[in-house]
Amino acid sequence: MPSLAEKLIKQGKQEGEIKGKQDLLLRLLRRKFGLSSSDEKMIRSVTDESKLDAAAEAVLDAKSKDEVLEILG
């Protein structure tokens, strides 16, 4: 059974990975389409890593930011 410290370390790593994926998606979307502050807040609220990964990949072929944001729900 993991100790409290191990659980906290694992949680911190997971939160860091999510923030990194959010940051990447924000940079890609800003560069390609530009973003409103409400778009940024919405992206920051997403914690599902698979959705963030899918959205980042979708930026490559997307014709609009809405195509990408739709993936996030």
PDB file of N, CA and C in Angstrom:
ATOM      1  N   MET A   1       0.850  -1.178   0.000  1.00  0.00           N
ATOM      2  CA  MET A   1       0.000   0.000   0.000  1.00  0.00           C
ATOM      3  C   MET A   1       0.899   1.245   0.000  1.00  0.00           C
ATOM      4  N   PRO A   2       0.648   2.175  -0.947  1.00  0.00           N
ATOM      5  CA  PRO A   2       1.496   3.364  -1.036  1.00  0.00           C
ATOM      6  C   PRO A   2       1.313   4.276   0.177  1.00  0.00           C
ATOM      7  N   SER A   3       2.404   4.906   0.564  1.00  0.00           N
ATOM      8  CA  SER A   3       2.342   5.850   1.685  1.00  0.00           C
ATOM      9  C   SER A   3       1.676   7.148   1.230  1.00  0.00           C
ATOM     10  N   LEU A   4       1.336   7.983   2.178  1.00  0.00           N
ATOM     11  CA  LEU A   4       0.723   9.272   1.863  1.00  0.00           C
ATOM     12  C   LEU A   4       1.652  10.094   0.973  1.00  0.00           C
ATOM     13  N   ALA A   5       2.935  10.073   1.285  1.00  0.00           N
ATOM     14  CA  ALA A   5       3.906  10.830   0.488  1.00  0.00           C
ATOM     15  C   ALA A   5       3.926  10.335  -0.955  1.00  0.00           C
ATOM     16  N   GLU A   6       3.895   9.015  -1.136  1.00  0.00           N
ATOM     17  CA  GLU A   6       3.895   8.451  -2.488  1.00  0.00           C
ATOM     18  C   GLU A   6       2.632   8.838  -3.246  1.00  0.00           C
ATOM     19  N   LYS A   7       1.500   8.836  -2.561  1.00  0.00           N
ATOM     20  CA  LYS A   7       0.242   9.238  -3.193  1.00  0.00           C
ATOM     21  C   LYS A   7       0.298  10.698  -3.625  1.00  0.00           C
ATOM     22  N   LEU A   8       0.839  11.548  -2.754  1.00  0.00           N
ATOM     23  CA  LEU A   8       0.933  12.974  -3.075  1.00  0.00           C
ATOM     24  C   LEU A   8       1.887  13.226  -4.236  1.00  0.00           C
ATOM     25  N   ILE A   9       2.982  12.497  -4.272  1.00  0.00           N
ATOM     26  CA  ILE A   9       3.933  12.622  -5.379  1.00  0.00           C
ATOM     27  C   ILE A   9       3.269  12.205  -6.686  1.00  0.00           C
ATOM     28  N   LYS A  10       2.552  11.089  -6.654  1.00  0.00           N
ATOM     29  CA  LYS A  10       1.865  10.611  -7.857  1.00  0.00           C
ATOM     30  C   LYS A  10       0.830  11.635  -8.324  1.00  0.00           C
ATOM     31  N   GLN A  11       0.069  12.182  -7.385  1.00  0.00           N
ATOM     32  CA  GLN A  11      -0.949  13.177  -7.724  1.00  0.00           C
ATOM     33  C   GLN A  11      -0.292  14.423  -8.332  1.00  0.00           C
ATOM     34  N   GLY A  12       0.819  14.849  -7.758  1.00  0.00           N
ATOM     35  CA  GLY A  12       1.533  16.019  -8.269  1.00  0.00           C
ATOM     36  C   GLY A  12       2.053  15.803  -9.679  1.00  0.00           C
ATOM     37  N   LYS A  13       2.573  14.608  -9.939  1.00  0.00           N
ATOM     38  CA  LYS A  13       3.053  14.289 -11.290  1.00  0.00           C
ATOM     39  C   LYS A  13       1.908  14.313 -12.290  1.00  0.00           C
ATOM     40  N   GLN A  14       0.779  13.726 -11.909  1.00  0.00           N
ATOM     41  CA  GLN A  14      -0.377  13.686 -12.805  1.00  0.00           C
ATOM     42  C   GLN A  14      -0.873  15.102 -13.099  1.00  0.00           C
ATOM     43  N   GLU A  15      -0.953  15.934 -12.069  1.00  0.00           N
ATOM     44  CA  GLU A  15      -1.388  17.318 -12.266  1.00  0.00           C
ATOM     45  C   GLU A  15      -0.413  18.064 -13.173  1.00  0.00           C
ATOM     46  N   GLY A  16       0.881  17.793 -13.019  1.00  0.00           N
ATOM     47  CA  GLY A  16       1.895  18.414 -13.869  1.00  0.00           C
ATOM     48  C   GLY A  16       1.762  17.987 -15.320  1.00  0.00           C
ATOM     49  N   GLU A  17       1.470  16.714 -15.543  1.00  0.00           N
ATOM     50  CA  GLU A  17       1.281  16.223 -16.908  1.00  0.00           C
ATOM     51  C   GLU A  17       0.064  16.876 -17.554  1.00  0.00           C
ATOM     52  N   ILE A  18      -1.010  16.988 -16.805  1.00  0.00           N
ATOM     53  CA  ILE A  18      -2.226  17.616 -17.331  1.00  0.00           C
ATOM     54  C   ILE A  18      -1.948  19.074 -17.676  1.00  0.00           C
ATOM     55  N   LYS A  19      -1.276  19.796 -16.779  1.00  0.00           N
ATOM     56  CA  LYS A  19      -0.970  21.203 -17.038  1.00  0.00           C
ATOM     57  C   LYS A  19      -0.088  21.339 -18.274  1.00  0.00           C
ATOM     58  N   GLY A  20       0.867  20.446 -18.438  1.00  0.00           N
ATOM     59  CA  GLY A  20       1.732  20.474 -19.615  1.00  0.00           C
ATOM     60  C   GLY A  20       0.945  20.271 -20.900  1.00  0.00           C
ATOM     61  N   LYS A  21      -0.019  19.372 -20.873  1.00  0.00           N
ATOM     62  CA  LYS A  21      -0.848  19.122 -22.057  1.00  0.00           C
ATOM     63  C   LYS A  21      -1.757  20.312 -22.339  1.00  0.00           C
ATOM     64  N   GLN A  22      -2.277  20.915 -21.281  1.00  0.00           N
ATOM     65  CA  GLN A  22      -3.093  22.122 -21.457  1.00  0.00           C
ATOM     66  C   GLN A  22      -2.241  23.243 -22.061  1.00  0.00           C
ATOM     67  N   ASP A  23      -1.031  23.418 -21.544  1.00  0.00           N
ATOM     68  CA  ASP A  23      -0.129  24.459 -22.048  1.00  0.00           C
ATOM     69  C   ASP A  23       0.188  24.251 -23.523  1.00  0.00           C
ATOM     70  N   LEU A  24       0.474  23.013 -23.903  1.00  0.00           N
ATOM     71  CA  LEU A  24       0.773  22.717 -25.301  1.00  0.00           C
ATOM     72  C   LEU A  24      -0.419  23.053 -26.188  1.00  0.00           C
ATOM     73  N   LEU A  25      -1.592  22.614 -25.794  1.00  0.00           N
ATOM     74  CA  LEU A  25      -2.790  22.877 -26.588  1.00  0.00           C
ATOM     75  C   LEU A  25      -3.041  24.377 -26.703  1.00  0.00           C
ATOM     76  N   LEU A  26      -2.883  25.099 -25.618  1.00  0.00           N
ATOM     77  CA  LEU A  26      -3.060  26.553 -25.655  1.00  0.00           C
ATOM     78  C   LEU A  26      -2.080  27.206 -26.627  1.00  0.00           C
ATOM     79  N   ARG A  27      -0.820  26.802 -26.581  1.00  0.00           N
ATOM     80  CA  ARG A  27       0.186  27.383 -27.492  1.00  0.00           C
ATOM     81  C   ARG A  27      -0.152  27.095 -28.943  1.00  0.00           C
ATOM     82  N   LEU A  28      -0.531  25.861 -29.227  1.00  0.00           N
ATOM     83  CA  LEU A  28      -0.855  25.494 -30.607  1.00  0.00           C
ATOM     84  C   LEU A  28      -2.058  26.275 -31.128  1.00  0.00           C
ATOM     85  N   LEU A  29      -3.101  26.345 -30.320  1.00  0.00           N
ATOM     86  CA  LEU A  29      -4.310  27.052 -30.752  1.00  0.00           C
ATOM     87  C   LEU A  29      -4.072  28.555 -30.875  1.00  0.00           C
ATOM     88  N   ARG A  30      -3.341  29.139 -29.944  1.00  0.00           N
ATOM     89  CA  ARG A  30      -3.033  30.579 -30.029  1.00  0.00           C
ATOM     90  C   ARG A  30      -2.286  30.889 -31.317  1.00  0.00           C
ATOM     91  N   ARG A  31      -1.324  30.048 -31.630  1.00  0.00           N
ATOM     92  CA  ARG A  31      -0.499  30.299 -32.818  1.00  0.00           C
ATOM     93  C   ARG A  31      -1.295  30.144 -34.107  1.00  0.00           C
ATOM     94  N   LYS A  32      -2.156  29.142 -34.160  1.00  0.00           N
ATOM     95  CA  LYS A  32      -2.873  28.869 -35.405  1.00  0.00           C
ATOM     96  C   LYS A  32      -4.144  29.702 -35.558  1.00  0.00           C
ATOM     97  N   PHE A  33      -4.892  29.907 -34.471  1.00  0.00           N
ATOM     98  CA  PHE A  33      -6.203  30.545 -34.586  1.00  0.00           C
ATOM     99  C   PHE A  33      -6.392  31.775 -33.699  1.00  0.00           C
ATOM    100  N   GLY A  34      -5.627  31.887 -32.636  1.00  0.00           N
ATOM    101  CA  GLY A  34      -5.914  32.893 -31.620  1.00  0.00           C
ATOM    102  C   GLY A  34      -6.978  32.337 -30.678  1.00  0.00           C
ATOM    103  N   LEU A  35      -7.002  32.835 -29.458  1.00  0.00           N
ATOM    104  CA  LEU A  35      -7.948  32.327 -28.460  1.00  0.00           C
ATOM    105  C   LEU A  35      -8.516  33.465 -27.632  1.00  0.00           C
ATOM    106  N   SER A  36      -9.754  33.309 -27.245  1.00  0.00           N
ATOM    107  CA  SER A  36     -10.366  34.251 -26.305  1.00  0.00           C
ATOM    108  C   SER A  36     -10.052  33.782 -24.886  1.00  0.00           C
ATOM    109  N   SER A  37     -10.260  34.662 -23.929  1.00  0.00           N
ATOM    110  CA  SER A  37     -10.008  34.266 -22.538  1.00  0.00           C
ATOM    111  C   SER A  37     -10.977  33.173 -22.097  1.00  0.00           C
ATOM    112  N   SER A  38     -12.196  33.172 -22.640  1.00  0.00           N
ATOM    113  CA  SER A  38     -13.143  32.108 -22.273  1.00  0.00           C
ATOM    114  C   SER A  38     -12.703  30.761 -22.850  1.00  0.00           C
ATOM    115  N   ASP A  39     -12.098  30.769 -24.051  1.00  0.00           N
ATOM    116  CA  ASP A  39     -11.552  29.530 -24.618  1.00  0.00           C
ATOM    117  C   ASP A  39     -10.436  29.002 -23.719  1.00  0.00           C
ATOM    118  N   GLU A  40      -9.573  29.897 -23.273  1.00  0.00           N
ATOM    119  CA  GLU A  40      -8.463  29.493 -22.412  1.00  0.00           C
ATOM    120  C   GLU A  40      -8.967  28.903 -21.101  1.00  0.00           C
ATOM    121  N   LYS A  41      -9.964  29.522 -20.510  1.00  0.00           N
ATOM    122  CA  LYS A  41     -10.537  29.005 -19.261  1.00  0.00           C
ATOM    123  C   LYS A  41     -11.141  27.624 -19.474  1.00  0.00           C
ATOM    124  N   MET A  42     -11.812  27.444 -20.597  1.00  0.00           N
ATOM    125  CA  MET A  42     -12.423  26.145 -20.888  1.00  0.00           C
ATOM    126  C   MET A  42     -11.342  25.064 -21.009  1.00  0.00           C
ATOM    127  N   ILE A  43     -10.272  25.380 -21.723  1.00  0.00           N
ATOM    128  CA  ILE A  43      -9.180  24.416 -21.882  1.00  0.00           C
ATOM    129  C   ILE A  43      -8.550  24.100 -20.525  1.00  0.00           C
ATOM    130  N   ARG A  44      -8.355  25.105 -19.696  1.00  0.00           N
ATOM    131  CA  ARG A  44      -7.776  24.894 -18.365  1.00  0.00           C
ATOM    132  C   ARG A  44      -8.672  24.033 -17.474  1.00  0.00           C
ATOM    133  N   SER A  45      -9.969  24.003 -17.772  1.00  0.00           N
ATOM    134  CA  SER A  45     -10.891  23.210 -16.948  1.00  0.00           C
ATOM    135  C   SER A  45     -10.886  21.727 -17.327  1.00  0.00           C
ATOM    136  N   VAL A  46     -10.316  21.396 -18.485  1.00  0.00           N
ATOM    137  CA  VAL A  46     -10.292  20.003 -18.948  1.00  0.00           C
ATOM    138  C   VAL A  46      -9.136  19.267 -18.276  1.00  0.00           C
ATOM    139  N   THR A  47      -9.454  18.145 -17.639  1.00  0.00           N
ATOM    140  CA  THR A  47      -8.421  17.346 -16.971  1.00  0.00           C
ATOM    141  C   THR A  47      -8.309  15.936 -17.549  1.00  0.00           C
ATOM    142  N   ASP A  48      -9.106  15.640 -18.557  1.00  0.00           N
ATOM    143  CA  ASP A  48      -9.064  14.326 -19.209  1.00  0.00           C
ATOM    144  C   ASP A  48      -7.887  14.322 -20.193  1.00  0.00           C
ATOM    145  N   GLU A  49      -6.851  13.573 -19.850  1.00  0.00           N
ATOM    146  CA  GLU A  49      -5.641  13.563 -20.672  1.00  0.00           C
ATOM    147  C   GLU A  49      -5.890  13.068 -22.089  1.00  0.00           C
ATOM    148  N   SER A  50      -6.763  12.103 -22.262  1.00  0.00           N
ATOM    149  CA  SER A  50      -7.018  11.590 -23.609  1.00  0.00           C
ATOM    150  C   SER A  50      -7.692  12.649 -24.481  1.00  0.00           C
ATOM    151  N   LYS A  51      -8.573  13.453 -23.898  1.00  0.00           N
ATOM    152  CA  LYS A  51      -9.198  14.546 -24.655  1.00  0.00           C
ATOM    153  C   LYS A  51      -8.166  15.611 -25.019  1.00  0.00           C
ATOM    154  N   LEU A  52      -7.289  15.936 -24.083  1.00  0.00           N
ATOM    155  CA  LEU A  52      -6.251  16.930 -24.360  1.00  0.00           C
ATOM    156  C   LEU A  52      -5.312  16.442 -25.459  1.00  0.00           C
ATOM    157  N   ASP A  53      -4.938  15.168 -25.418  1.00  0.00           N
ATOM    158  CA  ASP A  53      -4.081  14.590 -26.460  1.00  0.00           C
ATOM    159  C   ASP A  53      -4.768  14.632 -27.819  1.00  0.00           C
ATOM    160  N   ALA A  54      -6.031  14.219 -27.860  1.00  0.00           N
ATOM    161  CA  ALA A  54      -6.778  14.196 -29.120  1.00  0.00           C
ATOM    162  C   ALA A  54      -6.929  15.604 -29.689  1.00  0.00           C
ATOM    163  N   ALA A  55      -7.189  16.569 -28.826  1.00  0.00           N
ATOM    164  CA  ALA A  55      -7.353  17.949 -29.284  1.00  0.00           C
ATOM    165  C   ALA A  55      -6.039  18.497 -29.837  1.00  0.00           C
ATOM    166  N   ALA A  56      -4.929  18.207 -29.178  1.00  0.00           N
ATOM    167  CA  ALA A  56      -3.623  18.680 -29.653  1.00  0.00           C
ATOM    168  C   ALA A  56      -3.314  18.104 -31.034  1.00  0.00           C
ATOM    169  N   GLU A  57      -3.614  16.833 -31.243  1.00  0.00           N
ATOM    170  CA  GLU A  57      -3.398  16.221 -32.553  1.00  0.00           C
ATOM    171  C   GLU A  57      -4.330  16.812 -33.601  1.00  0.00           C
ATOM    172  N   ALA A  58      -5.546  17.137 -33.208  1.00  0.00           N
ATOM    173  CA  ALA A  58      -6.531  17.674 -34.147  1.00  0.00           C
ATOM    174  C   ALA A  58      -6.143  19.055 -34.665  1.00  0.00           C
ATOM    175  N   VAL A  59      -5.351  19.794 -33.903  1.00  0.00           N
ATOM    176  CA  VAL A  59      -4.937  21.135 -34.337  1.00  0.00           C
ATOM    177  C   VAL A  59      -4.243  21.068 -35.694  1.00  0.00           C
ATOM    178  N   LEU A  60      -3.521  20.000 -35.942  1.00  0.00           N
ATOM    179  CA  LEU A  60      -2.754  19.883 -37.185  1.00  0.00           C
ATOM    180  C   LEU A  60      -3.625  19.980 -38.427  1.00  0.00           C
ATOM    181  N   ASP A  61      -4.810  19.396 -38.394  1.00  0.00           N
ATOM    182  CA  ASP A  61      -5.675  19.362 -39.571  1.00  0.00           C
ATOM    183  C   ASP A  61      -6.902  20.252 -39.459  1.00  0.00           C
ATOM    184  N   ALA A  62      -7.110  20.864 -38.323  1.00  0.00           N
ATOM    185  CA  ALA A  62      -8.335  21.636 -38.086  1.00  0.00           C
ATOM    186  C   ALA A  62      -8.387  22.888 -38.958  1.00  0.00           C
ATOM    187  N   LYS A  63      -9.591  23.209 -39.396  1.00  0.00           N
ATOM    188  CA  LYS A  63      -9.828  24.422 -40.186  1.00  0.00           C
ATOM    189  C   LYS A  63     -10.268  25.575 -39.287  1.00  0.00           C
ATOM    190  N   SER A  64     -10.694  25.254 -38.061  1.00  0.00           N
ATOM    191  CA  SER A  64     -11.113  26.289 -37.116  1.00  0.00           C
ATOM    192  C   SER A  64     -10.835  25.810 -35.694  1.00  0.00           C
ATOM    193  N   LYS A  65     -10.755  26.768 -34.790  1.00  0.00           N
ATOM    194  CA  LYS A  65     -10.530  26.388 -33.391  1.00  0.00           C
ATOM    195  C   LYS A  65     -11.734  25.646 -32.829  1.00  0.00           C
ATOM    196  N   ASP A  66     -12.919  25.930 -33.367  1.00  0.00           N
ATOM    197  CA  ASP A  66     -14.119  25.253 -32.874  1.00  0.00           C
ATOM    198  C   ASP A  66     -14.057  23.747 -33.108  1.00  0.00           C
ATOM    199  N   GLU A  67     -13.430  23.322 -34.210  1.00  0.00           N
ATOM    200  CA  GLU A  67     -13.261  21.883 -34.460  1.00  0.00           C
ATOM    201  C   GLU A  67     -12.475  21.239 -33.322  1.00  0.00           C
ATOM    202  N   VAL A  68     -11.471  21.935 -32.852  1.00  0.00           N
ATOM    203  CA  VAL A  68     -10.616  21.411 -31.785  1.00  0.00           C
ATOM    204  C   VAL A  68     -11.338  21.475 -30.445  1.00  0.00           C
ATOM    205  N   LEU A  69     -11.964  22.597 -30.165  1.00  0.00           N
ATOM    206  CA  LEU A  69     -12.640  22.770 -28.878  1.00  0.00           C
ATOM    207  C   LEU A  69     -13.798  21.791 -28.709  1.00  0.00           C
ATOM    208  N   GLU A  70     -14.406  21.406 -29.824  1.00  0.00           N
ATOM    209  CA  GLU A  70     -15.509  20.438 -29.776  1.00  0.00           C
ATOM    210  C   GLU A  70     -15.049  19.107 -29.183  1.00  0.00           C
ATOM    211  N   ILE A  71     -13.815  18.732 -29.440  1.00  0.00           N
ATOM    212  CA  ILE A  71     -13.263  17.476 -28.920  1.00  0.00           C
ATOM    213  C   ILE A  71     -13.222  17.492 -27.394  1.00  0.00           C
ATOM    214  N   LEU A  72     -13.009  18.671 -26.843  1.00  0.00           N
ATOM    215  CA  LEU A  72     -12.881  18.798 -25.394  1.00  0.00           C
ATOM    216  C   LEU A  72     -14.218  18.732 -24.679  1.00  0.00           C
ATOM    217  N   GLY A  73     -15.288  18.831 -25.444  1.00  0.00           N
ATOM    218  CA  GLY A  73     -16.611  18.674 -24.846  1.00  0.00           C
ATOM    219  C   GLY A  73     -17.239  19.974 -24.560  1.00  0.00           C
TER     220      GLY A  73
END
